[in-house]
Amino acid sequence: MADKKQNRRNNKNYDDDYNPRFRKQRKKVCVMCSDKNFELDYKNPEVMKKFVNDKGKILPRRTTGACAKHQRDITLAVKRARHIAILPYSQN
């Protein structure tokens, strides 16, 4: 009986670490570190909308792929844009 269970396990074409519920995702790369010409400007709403979701919240690092240093810059720029009414604080 133990042999049958072992054979069932070996018949699958899966790796040992494979779990169909969870896929391995590619590591996101910081946009500002990889592209030296990328300009983060709080006065440019098209660039700032990439880092804000549809409700107006700032997206986290795991979503944007930014490094810690640049995530702090993103947060500061979004807050400045909100303060001078280029970006809304929230969406209705």
PDB file of N, CA and C in Angstrom:
ATOM      1  N   MET A   1       0.813  -1.188   0.000  1.00  0.00           N
ATOM      2  CA  MET A   1       0.000   0.000   0.000  1.00  0.00           C
ATOM      3  C   MET A   1       0.863   1.261   0.000  1.00  0.00           C
ATOM      4  N   ALA A   2       1.949   1.223   0.746  1.00  0.00           N
ATOM      5  CA  ALA A   2       2.856   2.369   0.774  1.00  0.00           C
ATOM      6  C   ALA A   2       3.483   2.584  -0.597  1.00  0.00           C
ATOM      7  N   ASP A   3       3.691   1.480  -1.345  1.00  0.00           N
ATOM      8  CA  ASP A   3       4.275   1.590  -2.678  1.00  0.00           C
ATOM      9  C   ASP A   3       3.337   2.317  -3.632  1.00  0.00           C
ATOM     10  N   LYS A   4       2.038   2.082  -3.508  1.00  0.00           N
ATOM     11  CA  LYS A   4       1.070   2.747  -4.377  1.00  0.00           C
ATOM     12  C   LYS A   4       1.059   4.251  -4.132  1.00  0.00           C
ATOM     13  N   LYS A   5       1.111   4.654  -2.873  1.00  0.00           N
ATOM     14  CA  LYS A   5       1.148   6.093  -2.559  1.00  0.00           C
ATOM     15  C   LYS A   5       2.411   6.721  -3.113  1.00  0.00           C
ATOM     16  N   GLN A   6       3.525   6.010  -3.005  1.00  0.00           N
ATOM     17  CA  GLN A   6       4.791   6.522  -3.518  1.00  0.00           C
ATOM     18  C   GLN A   6       4.728   6.670  -5.038  1.00  0.00           C
ATOM     19  N   ASN A   7       4.116   5.681  -5.724  1.00  0.00           N
ATOM     20  CA  ASN A   7       4.005   5.747  -7.175  1.00  0.00           C
ATOM     21  C   ASN A   7       3.108   6.883  -7.623  1.00  0.00           C
ATOM     22  N   ARG A   8       2.023   7.131  -6.902  1.00  0.00           N
ATOM     23  CA  ARG A   8       1.144   8.259  -7.242  1.00  0.00           C
ATOM     24  C   ARG A   8       1.895   9.571  -7.153  1.00  0.00           C
ATOM     25  N   ARG A   9       2.692   9.699  -6.150  1.00  0.00           N
ATOM     26  CA  ARG A   9       3.446  10.927  -5.951  1.00  0.00           C
ATOM     27  C   ARG A   9       4.490  11.095  -7.054  1.00  0.00           C
ATOM     28  N   ASN A  10       5.099  10.006  -7.496  1.00  0.00           N
ATOM     29  CA  ASN A  10       6.139  10.086  -8.518  1.00  0.00           C
ATOM     30  C   ASN A  10       5.573  10.276  -9.916  1.00  0.00           C
ATOM     31  N   ASN A  11       4.317   9.922 -10.139  1.00  0.00           N
ATOM     32  CA  ASN A  11       3.732  10.043 -11.468  1.00  0.00           C
ATOM     33  C   ASN A  11       3.446  11.482 -11.855  1.00  0.00           C
ATOM     34  N   LYS A  12       3.286  12.352 -10.887  1.00  0.00           N
ATOM     35  CA  LYS A  12       3.021  13.745 -11.211  1.00  0.00           C
ATOM     36  C   LYS A  12       4.265  14.380 -11.810  1.00  0.00           C
ATOM     37  N   ASN A  13       4.048  15.282 -12.715  1.00  0.00           N
ATOM     38  CA  ASN A  13       5.165  15.974 -13.355  1.00  0.00           C
ATOM     39  C   ASN A  13       5.485  17.272 -12.631  1.00  0.00           C
ATOM     40  N   TYR A  14       5.331  17.283 -11.329  1.00  0.00           N
ATOM     41  CA  TYR A  14       5.558  18.474 -10.538  1.00  0.00           C
ATOM     42  C   TYR A  14       6.915  18.401  -9.861  1.00  0.00           C
ATOM     43  N   ASP A  15       7.446  19.549  -9.539  1.00  0.00           N
ATOM     44  CA  ASP A  15       8.629  19.611  -8.692  1.00  0.00           C
ATOM     45  C   ASP A  15       8.208  19.342  -7.263  1.00  0.00           C
ATOM     46  N   ASP A  16       9.183  19.128  -6.381  1.00  0.00           N
ATOM     47  CA  ASP A  16       8.872  18.910  -4.973  1.00  0.00           C
ATOM     48  C   ASP A  16       8.284  20.166  -4.337  1.00  0.00           C
ATOM     49  N   ASP A  17       8.719  21.333  -4.798  1.00  0.00           N
ATOM     50  CA  ASP A  17       8.267  22.593  -4.217  1.00  0.00           C
ATOM     51  C   ASP A  17       7.007  23.128  -4.881  1.00  0.00           C
ATOM     52  N   TYR A  18       6.511  22.455  -5.894  1.00  0.00           N
ATOM     53  CA  TYR A  18       5.384  22.973  -6.660  1.00  0.00           C
ATOM     54  C   TYR A  18       4.104  22.913  -5.844  1.00  0.00           C
ATOM     55  N   ASN A  19       3.402  24.028  -5.822  1.00  0.00           N
ATOM     56  CA  ASN A  19       2.093  24.107  -5.199  1.00  0.00           C
ATOM     57  C   ASN A  19       1.202  24.850  -6.182  1.00  0.00           C
ATOM     58  N   PRO A  20       0.144  24.224  -6.694  1.00  0.00           N
ATOM     59  CA  PRO A  20      -0.673  24.879  -7.721  1.00  0.00           C
ATOM     60  C   PRO A  20      -1.400  26.119  -7.237  1.00  0.00           C
ATOM     61  N   ARG A  21      -1.541  26.291  -5.928  1.00  0.00           N
ATOM     62  CA  ARG A  21      -2.213  27.483  -5.420  1.00  0.00           C
ATOM     63  C   ARG A  21      -1.338  28.729  -5.507  1.00  0.00           C
ATOM     64  N   PHE A  22      -0.053  28.561  -5.326  1.00  0.00           N
ATOM     65  CA  PHE A  22       0.855  29.702  -5.282  1.00  0.00           C
ATOM     66  C   PHE A  22       1.845  29.621  -6.428  1.00  0.00           C
ATOM     67  N   ARG A  23       1.873  30.675  -7.233  1.00  0.00           N
ATOM     68  CA  ARG A  23       2.834  30.744  -8.322  1.00  0.00           C
ATOM     69  C   ARG A  23       3.993  31.627  -7.891  1.00  0.00           C
ATOM     70  N   LYS A  24       5.168  31.298  -8.350  1.00  0.00           N
ATOM     71  CA  LYS A  24       6.312  32.147  -8.064  1.00  0.00           C
ATOM     72  C   LYS A  24       6.260  33.341  -9.001  1.00  0.00           C
ATOM     73  N   GLN A  25       6.308  34.523  -8.438  1.00  0.00           N
ATOM     74  CA  GLN A  25       6.265  35.717  -9.253  1.00  0.00           C
ATOM     75  C   GLN A  25       7.660  36.280  -9.417  1.00  0.00           C
ATOM     76  N   ARG A  26       7.854  36.968 -10.530  1.00  0.00           N
ATOM     77  CA  ARG A  26       9.141  37.574 -10.779  1.00  0.00           C
ATOM     78  C   ARG A  26       9.379  38.715  -9.827  1.00  0.00           C
ATOM     79  N   LYS A  27      10.609  38.904  -9.421  1.00  0.00           N
ATOM     80  CA  LYS A  27      10.976  39.998  -8.540  1.00  0.00           C
ATOM     81  C   LYS A  27      10.827  41.300  -9.302  1.00  0.00           C
ATOM     82  N   LYS A  28      10.122  42.249  -8.714  1.00  0.00           N
ATOM     83  CA  LYS A  28       9.930  43.532  -9.361  1.00  0.00           C
ATOM     84  C   LYS A  28      11.182  44.384  -9.168  1.00  0.00           C
ATOM     85  N   VAL A  29      11.492  45.157 -10.170  1.00  0.00           N
ATOM     86  CA  VAL A  29      12.675  45.994 -10.137  1.00  0.00           C
ATOM     87  C   VAL A  29      12.243  47.447  -9.994  1.00  0.00           C
ATOM     88  N   CYS A  30      12.970  48.174  -9.194  1.00  0.00           N
ATOM     89  CA  CYS A  30      12.663  49.592  -8.975  1.00  0.00           C
ATOM     90  C   CYS A  30      12.801  50.354 -10.289  1.00  0.00           C
ATOM     91  N   VAL A  31      11.758  51.090 -10.653  1.00  0.00           N
ATOM     92  CA  VAL A  31      11.739  51.835 -11.908  1.00  0.00           C
ATOM     93  C   VAL A  31      12.799  52.929 -11.897  1.00  0.00           C
ATOM     94  N   MET A  32      12.946  53.573 -10.756  1.00  0.00           N
ATOM     95  CA  MET A  32      13.871  54.700 -10.675  1.00  0.00           C
ATOM     96  C   MET A  32      15.328  54.254 -10.608  1.00  0.00           C
ATOM     97  N   CYS A  33      15.581  53.084 -10.045  1.00  0.00           N
ATOM     98  CA  CYS A  33      16.956  52.563 -10.017  1.00  0.00           C
ATOM     99  C   CYS A  33      17.374  52.055 -11.390  1.00  0.00           C
ATOM    100  N   SER A  34      16.462  51.406 -12.105  1.00  0.00           N
ATOM    101  CA  SER A  34      16.803  50.823 -13.396  1.00  0.00           C
ATOM    102  C   SER A  34      16.870  51.866 -14.511  1.00  0.00           C
ATOM    103  N   ASP A  35      16.006  52.878 -14.461  1.00  0.00           N
ATOM    104  CA  ASP A  35      15.987  53.916 -15.491  1.00  0.00           C
ATOM    105  C   ASP A  35      16.472  55.224 -14.873  1.00  0.00           C
ATOM    106  N   LYS A  36      17.682  55.600 -15.205  1.00  0.00           N
ATOM    107  CA  LYS A  36      18.280  56.819 -14.628  1.00  0.00           C
ATOM    108  C   LYS A  36      17.620  58.090 -15.165  1.00  0.00           C
ATOM    109  N   ASN A  37      16.934  57.999 -16.303  1.00  0.00           N
ATOM    110  CA  ASN A  37      16.282  59.169 -16.888  1.00  0.00           C
ATOM    111  C   ASN A  37      14.880  59.392 -16.342  1.00  0.00           C
ATOM    112  N   PHE A  38      14.369  58.467 -15.509  1.00  0.00           N
ATOM    113  CA  PHE A  38      13.023  58.602 -14.950  1.00  0.00           C
ATOM    114  C   PHE A  38      12.989  59.767 -13.964  1.00  0.00           C
ATOM    115  N   GLU A  39      12.076  60.676 -14.187  1.00  0.00           N
ATOM    116  CA  GLU A  39      11.961  61.875 -13.353  1.00  0.00           C
ATOM    117  C   GLU A  39      10.672  61.812 -12.554  1.00  0.00           C
ATOM    118  N   LEU A  40      10.808  61.739 -11.247  1.00  0.00           N
ATOM    119  CA  LEU A  40       9.645  61.757 -10.364  1.00  0.00           C
ATOM    120  C   LEU A  40       9.387  63.202  -9.969  1.00  0.00           C
ATOM    121  N   ASP A  41       8.299  63.758 -10.483  1.00  0.00           N
ATOM    122  CA  ASP A  41       7.988  65.156 -10.222  1.00  0.00           C
ATOM    123  C   ASP A  41       6.562  65.248  -9.701  1.00  0.00           C
ATOM    124  N   TYR A  42       6.384  65.903  -8.571  1.00  0.00           N
ATOM    125  CA  TYR A  42       5.056  66.002  -7.969  1.00  0.00           C
ATOM    126  C   TYR A  42       4.120  66.870  -8.790  1.00  0.00           C
ATOM    127  N   LYS A  43       4.650  67.640  -9.734  1.00  0.00           N
ATOM    128  CA  LYS A  43       3.812  68.506 -10.559  1.00  0.00           C
ATOM    129  C   LYS A  43       3.290  67.800 -11.807  1.00  0.00           C
ATOM    130  N   ASN A  44       3.670  66.545 -12.005  1.00  0.00           N
ATOM    131  CA  ASN A  44       3.248  65.771 -13.170  1.00  0.00           C
ATOM    132  C   ASN A  44       2.250  64.701 -12.732  1.00  0.00           C
ATOM    133  N   PRO A  45       0.949  64.940 -12.887  1.00  0.00           N
ATOM    134  CA  PRO A  45      -0.048  63.994 -12.376  1.00  0.00           C
ATOM    135  C   PRO A  45      -0.070  62.648 -13.104  1.00  0.00           C
ATOM    136  N   GLU A  46       0.344  62.596 -14.385  1.00  0.00           N
ATOM    137  CA  GLU A  46       0.344  61.324 -15.112  1.00  0.00           C
ATOM    138  C   GLU A  46       1.342  60.343 -14.497  1.00  0.00           C
ATOM    139  N   VAL A  47       2.495  60.856 -14.088  1.00  0.00           N
ATOM    140  CA  VAL A  47       3.505  60.003 -13.454  1.00  0.00           C
ATOM    141  C   VAL A  47       3.047  59.602 -12.061  1.00  0.00           C
ATOM    142  N   MET A  48       2.420  60.510 -11.347  1.00  0.00           N
ATOM    143  CA  MET A  48       2.015  60.250  -9.966  1.00  0.00           C
ATOM    144  C   MET A  48       0.863  59.238  -9.897  1.00  0.00           C
ATOM    145  N   LYS A  49       0.030  59.170 -10.923  1.00  0.00           N
ATOM    146  CA  LYS A  49      -1.103  58.242 -10.910  1.00  0.00           C
ATOM    147  C   LYS A  49      -0.663  56.783 -10.973  1.00  0.00           C
ATOM    148  N   LYS A  50       0.564  56.535 -11.423  1.00  0.00           N
ATOM    149  CA  LYS A  50       1.086  55.167 -11.451  1.00  0.00           C
ATOM    150  C   LYS A  50       1.300  54.620 -10.048  1.00  0.00           C
ATOM    151  N   PHE A  51       1.501  55.498  -9.088  1.00  0.00           N
ATOM    152  CA  PHE A  51       1.818  55.092  -7.725  1.00  0.00           C
ATOM    153  C   PHE A  51       0.646  55.253  -6.771  1.00  0.00           C
ATOM    154  N   VAL A  52      -0.539  55.560  -7.313  1.00  0.00           N
ATOM    155  CA  VAL A  52      -1.742  55.748  -6.507  1.00  0.00           C
ATOM    156  C   VAL A  52      -2.837  54.853  -7.078  1.00  0.00           C
ATOM    157  N   ASN A  53      -3.599  54.167  -6.194  1.00  0.00           N
ATOM    158  CA  ASN A  53      -4.675  53.309  -6.700  1.00  0.00           C
ATOM    159  C   ASN A  53      -5.916  54.132  -7.017  1.00  0.00           C
ATOM    160  N   ASP A  54      -6.985  53.456  -7.436  1.00  0.00           N
ATOM    161  CA  ASP A  54      -8.192  54.170  -7.875  1.00  0.00           C
ATOM    162  C   ASP A  54      -8.908  54.870  -6.729  1.00  0.00           C
ATOM    163  N   LYS A  55      -8.653  54.467  -5.501  1.00  0.00           N
ATOM    164  CA  LYS A  55      -9.259  55.140  -4.348  1.00  0.00           C
ATOM    165  C   LYS A  55      -8.430  56.311  -3.846  1.00  0.00           C
ATOM    166  N   GLY A  56      -7.240  56.504  -4.400  1.00  0.00           N
ATOM    167  CA  GLY A  56      -6.390  57.616  -4.004  1.00  0.00           C
ATOM    168  C   GLY A  56      -5.334  57.243  -2.984  1.00  0.00           C
ATOM    169  N   LYS A  57      -5.221  55.956  -2.655  1.00  0.00           N
ATOM    170  CA  LYS A  57      -4.216  55.529  -1.677  1.00  0.00           C
ATOM    171  C   LYS A  57      -2.878  55.294  -2.364  1.00  0.00           C
ATOM    172  N   ILE A  58      -1.804  55.549  -1.639  1.00  0.00           N
ATOM    173  CA  ILE A  58      -0.462  55.303  -2.154  1.00  0.00           C
ATOM    174  C   ILE A  58      -0.224  53.793  -2.168  1.00  0.00           C
ATOM    175  N   LEU A  59       0.247  53.277  -3.288  1.00  0.00           N
ATOM    176  CA  LEU A  59       0.488  51.844  -3.418  1.00  0.00           C
ATOM    177  C   LEU A  59       1.732  51.434  -2.635  1.00  0.00           C
ATOM    178  N   PRO A  60       1.730  50.239  -2.050  1.00  0.00           N
ATOM    179  CA  PRO A  60       2.888  49.788  -1.269  1.00  0.00           C
ATOM    180  C   PRO A  60       4.046  49.350  -2.168  1.00  0.00           C
ATOM    181  N   ARG A  61       5.191  49.128  -1.545  1.00  0.00           N
ATOM    182  CA  ARG A  61       6.396  48.719  -2.266  1.00  0.00           C
ATOM    183  C   ARG A  61       6.216  47.407  -3.001  1.00  0.00           C
ATOM    184  N   ARG A  62       5.496  46.476  -2.404  1.00  0.00           N
ATOM    185  CA  ARG A  62       5.323  45.169  -3.050  1.00  0.00           C
ATOM    186  C   ARG A  62       4.527  45.287  -4.341  1.00  0.00           C
ATOM    187  N   THR A  63       3.725  46.334  -4.474  1.00  0.00           N
ATOM    188  CA  THR A  63       2.937  46.548  -5.685  1.00  0.00           C
ATOM    189  C   THR A  63       3.711  47.374  -6.711  1.00  0.00           C
ATOM    190  N   THR A  64       4.347  48.444  -6.258  1.00  0.00           N
ATOM    191  CA  THR A  64       5.067  49.316  -7.185  1.00  0.00           C
ATOM    192  C   THR A  64       6.408  48.736  -7.588  1.00  0.00           C
ATOM    193  N   GLY A  65       7.015  47.940  -6.713  1.00  0.00           N
ATOM    194  CA  GLY A  65       8.326  47.379  -6.997  1.00  0.00           C
ATOM    195  C   GLY A  65       9.451  48.338  -6.704  1.00  0.00           C
ATOM    196  N   ALA A  66       9.159  49.448  -6.050  1.00  0.00           N
ATOM    197  CA  ALA A  66      10.181  50.441  -5.755  1.00  0.00           C
ATOM    198  C   ALA A  66      11.031  50.003  -4.567  1.00  0.00           C
ATOM    199  N   CYS A  67      12.277  50.464  -4.548  1.00  0.00           N
ATOM    200  CA  CYS A  67      13.133  50.179  -3.394  1.00  0.00           C
ATOM    201  C   CYS A  67      12.715  51.119  -2.254  1.00  0.00           C
ATOM    202  N   ALA A  68      13.241  50.885  -1.070  1.00  0.00           N
ATOM    203  CA  ALA A  68      12.816  51.642   0.110  1.00  0.00           C
ATOM    204  C   ALA A  68      13.114  53.134  -0.039  1.00  0.00           C
ATOM    205  N   LYS A  69      14.267  53.439  -0.573  1.00  0.00           N
ATOM    206  CA  LYS A  69      14.663  54.844  -0.746  1.00  0.00           C
ATOM    207  C   LYS A  69      13.700  55.569  -1.682  1.00  0.00           C
ATOM    208  N   HIS A  70      13.396  54.945  -2.801  1.00  0.00           N
ATOM    209  CA  HIS A  70      12.527  55.592  -3.777  1.00  0.00           C
ATOM    210  C   HIS A  70      11.060  55.550  -3.362  1.00  0.00           C
ATOM    211  N   GLN A  71      10.665  54.559  -2.565  1.00  0.00           N
ATOM    212  CA  GLN A  71       9.294  54.553  -2.053  1.00  0.00           C
ATOM    213  C   GLN A  71       9.056  55.752  -1.146  1.00  0.00           C
ATOM    214  N   ARG A  72      10.064  56.117  -0.372  1.00  0.00           N
ATOM    215  CA  ARG A  72       9.944  57.325   0.469  1.00  0.00           C
ATOM    216  C   ARG A  72       9.811  58.565  -0.402  1.00  0.00           C
ATOM    217  N   ASP A  73      10.548  58.626  -1.518  1.00  0.00           N
ATOM    218  CA  ASP A  73      10.433  59.752  -2.446  1.00  0.00           C
ATOM    219  C   ASP A  73       9.051  59.796  -3.091  1.00  0.00           C
ATOM    220  N   ILE A  74       8.526  58.622  -3.437  1.00  0.00           N
ATOM    221  CA  ILE A  74       7.181  58.539  -4.029  1.00  0.00           C
ATOM    222  C   ILE A  74       6.148  59.066  -3.041  1.00  0.00           C
ATOM    223  N   THR A  75       6.253  58.631  -1.783  1.00  0.00           N
ATOM    224  CA  THR A  75       5.303  59.056  -0.754  1.00  0.00           C
ATOM    225  C   THR A  75       5.336  60.564  -0.571  1.00  0.00           C
ATOM    226  N   LEU A  76       6.528  61.121  -0.518  1.00  0.00           N
ATOM    227  CA  LEU A  76       6.676  62.564  -0.348  1.00  0.00           C
ATOM    228  C   LEU A  76       6.091  63.326  -1.535  1.00  0.00           C
ATOM    229  N   ALA A  77       6.359  62.824  -2.749  1.00  0.00           N
ATOM    230  CA  ALA A  77       5.852  63.489  -3.947  1.00  0.00           C
ATOM    231  C   ALA A  77       4.331  63.421  -4.026  1.00  0.00           C
ATOM    232  N   VAL A  78       3.740  62.283  -3.665  1.00  0.00           N
ATOM    233  CA  VAL A  78       2.283  62.149  -3.695  1.00  0.00           C
ATOM    234  C   VAL A  78       1.659  63.085  -2.670  1.00  0.00           C
ATOM    235  N   LYS A  79       2.242  63.165  -1.497  1.00  0.00           N
ATOM    236  CA  LYS A  79       1.699  64.058  -0.465  1.00  0.00           C
ATOM    237  C   LYS A  79       1.803  65.518  -0.874  1.00  0.00           C
ATOM    238  N   ARG A  80       2.887  65.894  -1.538  1.00  0.00           N
ATOM    239  CA  ARG A  80       3.022  67.270  -2.037  1.00  0.00           C
ATOM    240  C   ARG A  80       1.979  67.559  -3.112  1.00  0.00           C
ATOM    241  N   ALA A  81       1.765  66.594  -4.004  1.00  0.00           N
ATOM    242  CA  ALA A  81       0.775  66.773  -5.074  1.00  0.00           C
ATOM    243  C   ALA A  81      -0.633  66.879  -4.502  1.00  0.00           C
ATOM    244  N   ARG A  82      -0.904  66.136  -3.453  1.00  0.00           N
ATOM    245  CA  ARG A  82      -2.212  66.249  -2.797  1.00  0.00           C
ATOM    246  C   ARG A  82      -2.385  67.624  -2.156  1.00  0.00           C
ATOM    247  N   HIS A  83      -1.322  68.099  -1.542  1.00  0.00           N
ATOM    248  CA  HIS A  83      -1.400  69.374  -0.814  1.00  0.00           C
ATOM    249  C   HIS A  83      -1.705  70.550  -1.741  1.00  0.00           C
ATOM    250  N   ILE A  84      -1.158  70.524  -2.952  1.00  0.00           N
ATOM    251  CA  ILE A  84      -1.425  71.618  -3.885  1.00  0.00           C
ATOM    252  C   ILE A  84      -2.551  71.268  -4.871  1.00  0.00           C
ATOM    253  N   ALA A  85      -3.312  70.217  -4.557  1.00  0.00           N
ATOM    254  CA  ALA A  85      -4.531  69.825  -5.270  1.00  0.00           C
ATOM    255  C   ALA A  85      -4.306  69.342  -6.693  1.00  0.00           C
ATOM    256  N   ILE A  86      -3.164  68.727  -6.949  1.00  0.00           N
ATOM    257  CA  ILE A  86      -2.957  68.082  -8.244  1.00  0.00           C
ATOM    258  C   ILE A  86      -3.534  66.669  -8.206  1.00  0.00           C
ATOM    259  N   LEU A  87      -3.361  65.986  -7.052  1.00  0.00           N
ATOM    260  CA  LEU A  87      -3.963  64.665  -6.830  1.00  0.00           C
ATOM    261  C   LEU A  87      -5.008  64.791  -5.723  1.00  0.00           C
ATOM    262  N   PRO A  88      -6.096  64.043  -5.833  1.00  0.00           N
ATOM    263  CA  PRO A  88      -7.090  64.086  -4.762  1.00  0.00           C
ATOM    264  C   PRO A  88      -6.654  63.254  -3.564  1.00  0.00           C
ATOM    265  N   TYR A  89      -7.137  63.605  -2.392  1.00  0.00           N
ATOM    266  CA  TYR A  89      -6.874  62.810  -1.203  1.00  0.00           C
ATOM    267  C   TYR A  89      -7.630  61.496  -1.263  1.00  0.00           C
ATOM    268  N   SER A  90      -8.831  61.504  -1.831  1.00  0.00           N
ATOM    269  CA  SER A  90      -9.609  60.284  -1.970  1.00  0.00           C
ATOM    270  C   SER A  90     -10.524  60.418  -3.183  1.00  0.00           C
ATOM    271  N   GLN A  91     -10.985  59.263  -3.669  1.00  0.00           N
ATOM    272  CA  GLN A  91     -11.916  59.233  -4.797  1.00  0.00           C
ATOM    273  C   GLN A  91     -13.289  58.856  -4.280  1.00  0.00           C
ATOM    274  N   ASN A  92     -14.316  59.413  -4.832  1.00  0.00           N
ATOM    275  CA  ASN A  92     -15.692  59.055  -4.433  1.00  0.00           C
ATOM    276  C   ASN A  92     -16.340  58.184  -5.451  1.00  0.00           C
TER     277      ASN A  92
END
